[in-house]
C-alpha atoms as a PDB file:
ATOM      1  CA  UNK A   1       1.069 -21.756 -16.719  1.00  0.00           C
ATOM      2  CA  UNK A   2      -2.335 -21.029 -15.285  1.00  0.00           C
ATOM      3  CA  UNK A   3      -2.684 -19.361 -11.911  1.00  0.00           C
ATOM      4  CA  UNK A   4      -5.310 -17.648  -9.759  1.00  0.00           C
ATOM      5  CA  UNK A   5      -5.370 -15.782  -6.440  1.00  0.00           C
ATOM      6  CA  UNK A   6      -8.373 -16.469  -4.222  1.00  0.00           C
ATOM      7  CA  UNK A   7      -9.439 -13.785  -1.778  1.00  0.00           C
ATOM      8  CA  UNK A   8     -11.292 -15.068   1.278  1.00  0.00           C
ATOM      9  CA  UNK A   9     -12.638 -13.383   4.382  1.00  0.00           C
ATOM     10  CA  UNK A  10     -12.379 -15.342   7.634  1.00  0.00           C
ATOM     11  CA  UNK A  11     -14.785 -14.730  10.466  1.00  0.00           C
ATOM     12  CA  UNK A  12     -13.089 -16.169  13.571  1.00  0.00           C
ATOM     13  CA  UNK A  13      -9.695 -16.490  15.236  1.00  0.00           C
ATOM     14  CA  UNK A  14      -9.687 -20.196  14.292  1.00  0.00           C
ATOM     15  CA  UNK A  15     -11.673 -21.314  11.246  1.00  0.00           C
ATOM     16  CA  UNK A  16     -11.413 -23.972   8.547  1.00  0.00           C
ATOM     17  CA  UNK A  17     -12.673 -22.953   5.107  1.00  0.00           C
ATOM     18  CA  UNK A  18     -13.085 -25.525   2.386  1.00  0.00           C
ATOM     19  CA  UNK A  19     -11.261 -24.722  -0.837  1.00  0.00           C
ATOM     20  CA  UNK A  20     -12.442 -27.821  -2.732  1.00  0.00           C
ATOM     21  CA  UNK A  21     -15.277 -26.114  -4.643  1.00  0.00           C
ATOM     22  CA  UNK A  22     -12.860 -23.313  -5.674  1.00  0.00           C
ATOM     23  CA  UNK A  23     -10.409 -25.864  -6.931  1.00  0.00           C
ATOM     24  CA  UNK A  24     -13.127 -27.572  -8.984  1.00  0.00           C
ATOM     25  CA  UNK A  25     -14.131 -24.197 -10.449  1.00  0.00           C
ATOM     26  CA  UNK A  26     -10.472 -23.449 -11.283  1.00  0.00           C
ATOM     27  CA  UNK A  27     -10.221 -26.731 -13.221  1.00  0.00           C
ATOM     28  CA  UNK A  28     -13.513 -26.091 -15.046  1.00  0.00           C
ATOM     29  CA  UNK A  29     -12.853 -22.403 -15.757  1.00  0.00           C
ATOM     30  CA  UNK A  30      -9.519 -23.155 -17.419  1.00  0.00           C
ATOM     31  CA  UNK A  31     -10.623 -26.376 -19.108  1.00  0.00           C
ATOM     32  CA  UNK A  32      -7.903 -28.354 -17.407  1.00  0.00           C
ATOM     33  CA  UNK A  33      -7.671 -32.096 -17.637  1.00  0.00           C
ATOM     34  CA  UNK A  34      -4.546 -33.869 -16.321  1.00  0.00           C
ATOM     35  CA  UNK A  35      -1.983 -32.303 -13.970  1.00  0.00           C
ATOM     36  CA  UNK A  36      -1.826 -30.830 -10.499  1.00  0.00           C
ATOM     37  CA  UNK A  37      -2.928 -27.764  -8.628  1.00  0.00           C
ATOM     38  CA  UNK A  38      -0.465 -26.316  -6.102  1.00  0.00           C
ATOM     39  CA  UNK A  39      -2.496 -24.605  -3.373  1.00  0.00           C
ATOM     40  CA  UNK A  40      -0.445 -22.140  -1.335  1.00  0.00           C
ATOM     41  CA  UNK A  41      -1.470 -19.877   1.545  1.00  0.00           C
ATOM     42  CA  UNK A  42      -0.089 -16.327   1.325  1.00  0.00           C
ATOM     43  CA  UNK A  43       0.111 -15.738   5.086  1.00  0.00           C
ATOM     44  CA  UNK A  44       2.345 -16.907   7.920  1.00  0.00           C
ATOM     45  CA  UNK A  45      -0.621 -17.338  10.264  1.00  0.00           C
ATOM     46  CA  UNK A  46      -2.713 -19.572   8.096  1.00  0.00           C
ATOM     47  CA  UNK A  47      -2.239 -23.204   6.968  1.00  0.00           C
ATOM     48  CA  UNK A  48      -3.379 -25.171   3.959  1.00  0.00           C
ATOM     49  CA  UNK A  49      -4.254 -28.812   4.610  1.00  0.00           C
ATOM     50  CA  UNK A  50      -6.127 -31.771   3.202  1.00  0.00           C
ATOM     51  CA  UNK A  51      -8.268 -33.682   5.690  1.00  0.00           C
ATOM     52  CA  UNK A  52     -11.845 -34.448   6.642  1.00  0.00           C
ATOM     53  CA  UNK A  53     -13.955 -31.365   7.239  1.00  0.00           C
ATOM     54  CA  UNK A  54     -16.015 -32.940  10.062  1.00  0.00           C
ATOM     55  CA  UNK A  55     -17.143 -30.584  12.858  1.00  0.00           C
ATOM     56  CA  UNK A  56     -15.778 -32.640  15.772  1.00  0.00           C
ATOM     57  CA  UNK A  57     -12.473 -33.331  14.062  1.00  0.00           C
ATOM     58  CA  UNK A  58     -12.034 -29.580  13.510  1.00  0.00           C
ATOM     59  CA  UNK A  59     -12.808 -29.017  17.189  1.00  0.00           C
ATOM     60  CA  UNK A  60     -10.067 -31.581  18.002  1.00  0.00           C
ATOM     61  CA  UNK A  61      -7.675 -29.857  15.639  1.00  0.00           C
ATOM     62  CA  UNK A  62      -8.254 -26.550  17.358  1.00  0.00           C
ATOM     63  CA  UNK A  63      -7.732 -28.116  20.748  1.00  0.00           C
ATOM     64  CA  UNK A  64      -4.568 -29.974  19.676  1.00  0.00           C
ATOM     65  CA  UNK A  65      -3.059 -26.848  18.117  1.00  0.00           C
ATOM     66  CA  UNK A  66      -3.862 -24.854  21.310  1.00  0.00           C
ATOM     67  CA  UNK A  67      -2.150 -27.504  23.391  1.00  0.00           C
ATOM     68  CA  UNK A  68       0.948 -27.547  21.153  1.00  0.00           C
ATOM     69  CA  UNK A  69       1.363 -23.771  20.850  1.00  0.00           C
ATOM     70  CA  UNK A  70      -1.004 -21.991  23.252  1.00  0.00           C
ATOM     71  CA  UNK A  71      -1.916 -18.356  22.921  1.00  0.00           C
ATOM     72  CA  UNK A  72      -0.539 -16.167  25.733  1.00  0.00           C
ATOM     73  CA  UNK A  73       2.505 -18.274  26.505  1.00  0.00           C
ATOM     74  CA  UNK A  74       5.826 -16.600  26.988  1.00  0.00           C
ATOM     75  CA  UNK A  75       6.655 -16.432  23.291  1.00  0.00           C
ATOM     76  CA  UNK A  76       9.524 -14.076  22.333  1.00  0.00           C
ATOM     77  CA  UNK A  77       7.663 -12.972  19.171  1.00  0.00           C
ATOM     78  CA  UNK A  78       4.979 -11.519  21.423  1.00  0.00           C
ATOM     79  CA  UNK A  79       7.489  -9.182  23.156  1.00  0.00           C
ATOM     80  CA  UNK A  80       6.230  -6.296  21.007  1.00  0.00           C
ATOM     81  CA  UNK A  81       8.017  -3.662  23.043  1.00  0.00           C
ATOM     82  CA  UNK A  82      11.370  -5.314  22.099  1.00  0.00           C
ATOM     83  CA  UNK A  83      10.620  -5.383  18.372  1.00  0.00           C
ATOM     84  CA  UNK A  84      11.550  -2.383  16.236  1.00  0.00           C
ATOM     85  CA  UNK A  85       9.418  -0.881  13.457  1.00  0.00           C
ATOM     86  CA  UNK A  86       6.221  -2.861  13.939  1.00  0.00           C
ATOM     87  CA  UNK A  87       2.821  -1.330  13.322  1.00  0.00           C
ATOM     88  CA  UNK A  88       0.771   0.011  16.269  1.00  0.00           C
ATOM     89  CA  UNK A  89      -1.898  -2.648  15.665  1.00  0.00           C
ATOM     90  CA  UNK A  90       0.534  -5.607  15.637  1.00  0.00           C
ATOM     91  CA  UNK A  91      -1.121  -8.593  17.329  1.00  0.00           C
ATOM     92  CA  UNK A  92       0.493 -10.967  19.831  1.00  0.00           C
ATOM     93  CA  UNK A  93       0.216 -13.953  17.539  1.00  0.00           C
ATOM     94  CA  UNK A  94       3.327 -16.114  17.989  1.00  0.00           C
ATOM     95  CA  UNK A  95       1.027 -19.076  18.714  1.00  0.00           C
ATOM     96  CA  UNK A  96      -0.588 -18.702  15.233  1.00  0.00           C
ATOM     97  CA  UNK A  97       2.791 -18.621  13.519  1.00  0.00           C
ATOM     98  CA  UNK A  98       3.915 -21.766  15.372  1.00  0.00           C
ATOM     99  CA  UNK A  99       0.638 -23.574  14.697  1.00  0.00           C
ATOM    100  CA  UNK A 100       0.933 -22.786  10.981  1.00  0.00           C
ATOM    101  CA  UNK A 101       4.463 -24.218  10.981  1.00  0.00           C
ATOM    102  CA  UNK A 102       3.096 -27.503  12.339  1.00  0.00           C
ATOM    103  CA  UNK A 103       0.389 -27.774   9.653  1.00  0.00           C
ATOM    104  CA  UNK A 104       2.166 -26.447   6.642  1.00  0.00           C
ATOM    105  CA  UNK A 105       1.200 -23.903   4.047  1.00  0.00           C
ATOM    106  CA  UNK A 106       0.958 -25.727   0.760  1.00  0.00           C
ATOM    107  CA  UNK A 107      -0.659 -28.800  -0.717  1.00  0.00           C
ATOM    108  CA  UNK A 108      -0.692 -30.326  -4.179  1.00  0.00           C
ATOM    109  CA  UNK A 109      -3.957 -31.838  -5.519  1.00  0.00           C
ATOM    110  CA  UNK A 110      -3.698 -34.086  -8.524  1.00  0.00           C
ATOM    111  CA  UNK A 111      -6.256 -33.768 -11.347  1.00  0.00           C
ATOM    112  CA  UNK A 112      -7.077 -36.628 -13.714  1.00  0.00           C
ATOM    113  CA  UNK A 113      -9.502 -36.360 -16.586  1.00  0.00           C
ATOM    114  CA  UNK A 114     -10.738 -33.047 -15.152  1.00  0.00           C
ATOM    115  CA  UNK A 115     -11.481 -34.451 -11.685  1.00  0.00           C
ATOM    116  CA  UNK A 116      -9.745 -33.681  -8.388  1.00  0.00           C
ATOM    117  CA  UNK A 117      -8.043 -36.772  -7.019  1.00  0.00           C
ATOM    118  CA  UNK A 118      -9.252 -36.444  -3.436  1.00  0.00           C
ATOM    119  CA  UNK A 119     -10.499 -39.303  -1.307  1.00  0.00           C
ATOM    120  CA  UNK A 120     -14.104 -39.704  -0.257  1.00  0.00           C
ATOM    121  CA  UNK A 121     -13.789 -37.567   2.892  1.00  0.00           C
ATOM    122  CA  UNK A 122     -10.903 -35.325   1.880  1.00  0.00           C
ATOM    123  CA  UNK A 123     -11.275 -31.548   1.501  1.00  0.00           C
ATOM    124  CA  UNK A 124      -8.598 -29.001   0.732  1.00  0.00           C
ATOM    125  CA  UNK A 125      -8.885 -26.371   3.445  1.00  0.00           C
ATOM    126  CA  UNK A 126      -7.511 -23.017   4.507  1.00  0.00           C
ATOM    127  CA  UNK A 127      -6.981 -22.991   8.288  1.00  0.00           C
ATOM    128  CA  UNK A 128      -7.247 -19.534   9.798  1.00  0.00           C
ATOM    129  CA  UNK A 129      -5.134 -19.268  12.975  1.00  0.00           C
ATOM    130  CA  UNK A 130      -5.187 -15.484  13.626  1.00  0.00           C
ATOM    131  CA  UNK A 131      -8.408 -14.098  12.311  1.00  0.00           C
ATOM    132  CA  UNK A 132     -10.739 -12.687  11.429  1.00  0.00           C
ATOM    133  CA  UNK A 133      -8.917 -11.307   8.407  1.00  0.00           C
ATOM    134  CA  UNK A 134      -8.887 -10.991   4.641  1.00  0.00           C
ATOM    135  CA  UNK A 135      -6.737 -13.863   3.244  1.00  0.00           C
ATOM    136  CA  UNK A 136      -5.310 -14.910  -0.102  1.00  0.00           C
ATOM    137  CA  UNK A 137      -4.620 -18.372  -1.429  1.00  0.00           C
ATOM    138  CA  UNK A 138      -2.615 -18.976  -4.627  1.00  0.00           C
ATOM    139  CA  UNK A 139      -3.631 -21.650  -7.098  1.00  0.00           C
ATOM    140  CA  UNK A 140      -1.011 -22.732  -9.663  1.00  0.00           C
ATOM    141  CA  UNK A 141      -1.577 -25.358 -12.349  1.00  0.00           C
ATOM    142  CA  UNK A 142       1.172 -27.775 -13.195  1.00  0.00           C
ATOM    143  CA  UNK A 143       0.831 -29.719 -16.387  1.00  0.00           C
ATOM    144  CA  UNK A 144       1.577 -33.442 -16.469  1.00  0.00           C
END
C-alpha cells in the first residue's frame, strides 16, 4: 500500500485549507490510476471534509460551528484544574473537539483513470478548529 503524511501549518484558530492539489500530486507522484485515497486528520481538534471552498460558505461554517459548540461555554473538558497530568500550556479547547466530532475526521476520494472523482465545486479540506498549529494529514491509497 502507498501512504504519505502531509505536514501543514495553519495560521488561525479557524481555517480551511484545501487538500485537493496535494491529493492530485499524491496520485501523480505514485503513478496511481484506479482506487481510492483515504484522507485522515491526525488531530482531535481538526476535521477533514469535502465541500465547496467558497469564502462566504466557510464564514457560515465557522458561524454554525460556533453556535453548535461555542468557545467559553461551561465545558467539563475545559476544567483544567480538575484534570491530572496535563501540560502547563494546555488550551481550553473543548469547543474544538466537539466541532471536530460534528464534521468528522476522514474522507475517501475515489480515483478513476488517474483523476480525482470530485464534483465541480468540491474540494477536500482540512478544517482547523484550534489553531494556529502544525498539523498532519495521512493519505492512504486503496487499490480497486
